[in-house]
């Protein structure tokens, strides 16, 4: 008798942080940001254009809030694989 080969099941796991705490963390330690975020107040920071990987010129967004929205939207739009969305805050409780 022949046995069926096991089927590989894969899923993307996305860890998403609350936008407010994410913005505060990004302002405190921005990754590849071309401005002095620490010198800005939060109101200024969330309104300025944000270019991730500024030296390479990729990942341009109207502001950090638009970047968070675009990234989370891209996670939700994944349809090629199963997906698991975990809220960062759920891991802390």
Protein backbone atom coordinates (compact mmCIF):
# COMPACT_ATOMS: atom_id res chain seq x y z
CA UNK A 1 0.00 0.00 0.00
CA UNK A 2 1.01 3.55 -0.64
CA UNK A 3 0.76 6.23 1.97
CA UNK A 4 0.20 9.82 1.10
CA UNK A 5 3.09 12.16 1.62
CA UNK A 6 2.51 14.62 4.44
CA UNK A 7 1.22 17.96 3.28
CA UNK A 8 3.26 20.92 4.37
CA UNK A 9 1.11 23.60 5.89
CA UNK A 10 2.55 27.05 6.25
CA UNK A 11 1.21 30.31 7.54
CA UNK A 12 2.51 33.82 7.89
CA UNK A 13 2.52 35.11 11.46
CA UNK A 14 2.23 38.88 11.82
CA UNK A 15 2.88 40.65 15.09
CA UNK A 16 1.11 44.01 15.11
CA UNK A 17 1.60 46.68 17.72
CA UNK A 18 -1.00 49.24 18.78
CA UNK A 19 -0.44 52.28 16.55
CA UNK A 20 0.03 54.71 19.44
CA UNK A 21 2.67 52.66 21.26
CA UNK A 22 4.29 51.83 17.91
CA UNK A 23 4.54 55.56 17.06
CA UNK A 24 6.11 56.34 20.43
CA UNK A 25 8.64 53.53 19.97
CA UNK A 26 9.43 54.61 16.40
CA UNK A 27 9.92 58.20 17.53
CA UNK A 28 12.25 57.06 20.31
CA UNK A 29 14.29 54.70 18.13
CA UNK A 30 13.44 55.20 14.46
CA UNK A 31 14.91 52.66 12.11
CA UNK A 32 16.63 54.26 9.13
CA UNK A 33 15.01 57.68 9.53
CA UNK A 34 16.63 60.75 8.01
CA UNK A 35 15.52 63.31 10.62
CA UNK A 36 16.23 63.87 14.33
CA UNK A 37 13.05 62.34 15.72
CA UNK A 38 14.19 62.71 19.33
CA UNK A 39 14.33 66.51 18.95
CA UNK A 40 10.72 66.69 17.66
CA UNK A 41 7.55 66.70 19.66
CA UNK A 42 5.11 63.91 18.83
CA UNK A 43 2.75 66.23 16.96
CA UNK A 44 5.51 67.29 14.58
CA UNK A 45 6.83 63.75 14.17
CA UNK A 46 3.49 62.25 13.10
CA UNK A 47 2.92 64.95 10.47
CA UNK A 48 6.26 64.86 8.64
CA UNK A 49 6.96 62.60 5.67
CA UNK A 50 8.64 59.35 6.62
CA UNK A 51 11.11 57.62 4.33
CA UNK A 52 12.17 54.25 5.60
CA UNK A 53 15.65 53.35 4.38
CA UNK A 54 16.18 56.99 3.43
CA UNK A 55 19.66 56.40 2.00
CA UNK A 56 18.22 53.87 -0.45
CA UNK A 57 15.17 56.03 -1.19
CA UNK A 58 12.60 53.27 -0.66
CA UNK A 59 9.56 53.17 1.55
CA UNK A 60 8.30 56.74 1.30
CA UNK A 61 5.14 57.53 3.24
CA UNK A 62 3.16 60.72 3.88
CA UNK A 63 3.91 60.30 7.60
CA UNK A 64 4.56 57.54 10.16
CA UNK A 65 0.82 56.95 10.66
CA UNK A 66 0.44 56.30 6.92
CA UNK A 67 3.36 53.87 7.14
CA UNK A 68 1.72 51.91 9.99
CA UNK A 69 -1.55 51.78 8.04
CA UNK A 70 0.16 50.61 4.83
CA UNK A 71 2.14 47.90 6.60
CA UNK A 72 -0.84 46.52 8.52
CA UNK A 73 -3.02 46.68 5.40
CA UNK A 74 -0.41 44.66 3.51
CA UNK A 75 -0.51 41.99 6.23
CA UNK A 76 -4.30 41.81 6.06
CA UNK A 77 -4.21 41.56 2.26
CA UNK A 78 -2.03 38.45 2.22
CA UNK A 79 -4.04 35.77 0.48
CA UNK A 80 -1.36 33.35 -0.77
CA UNK A 81 -1.02 31.63 2.61
CA UNK A 82 -2.92 31.26 5.83
CA UNK A 83 -2.17 34.11 8.19
CA UNK A 84 -2.14 34.59 11.91
CA UNK A 85 -2.36 38.11 13.26
CA UNK A 86 -1.16 38.58 16.83
CA UNK A 87 -1.51 41.82 18.72
CA UNK A 88 1.69 42.71 20.57
CA UNK A 89 -0.33 43.89 23.57
CA UNK A 90 -1.92 40.43 23.94
CA UNK A 91 1.54 38.99 24.59
CA UNK A 92 2.10 41.44 27.44
CA UNK A 93 -1.01 40.53 29.46
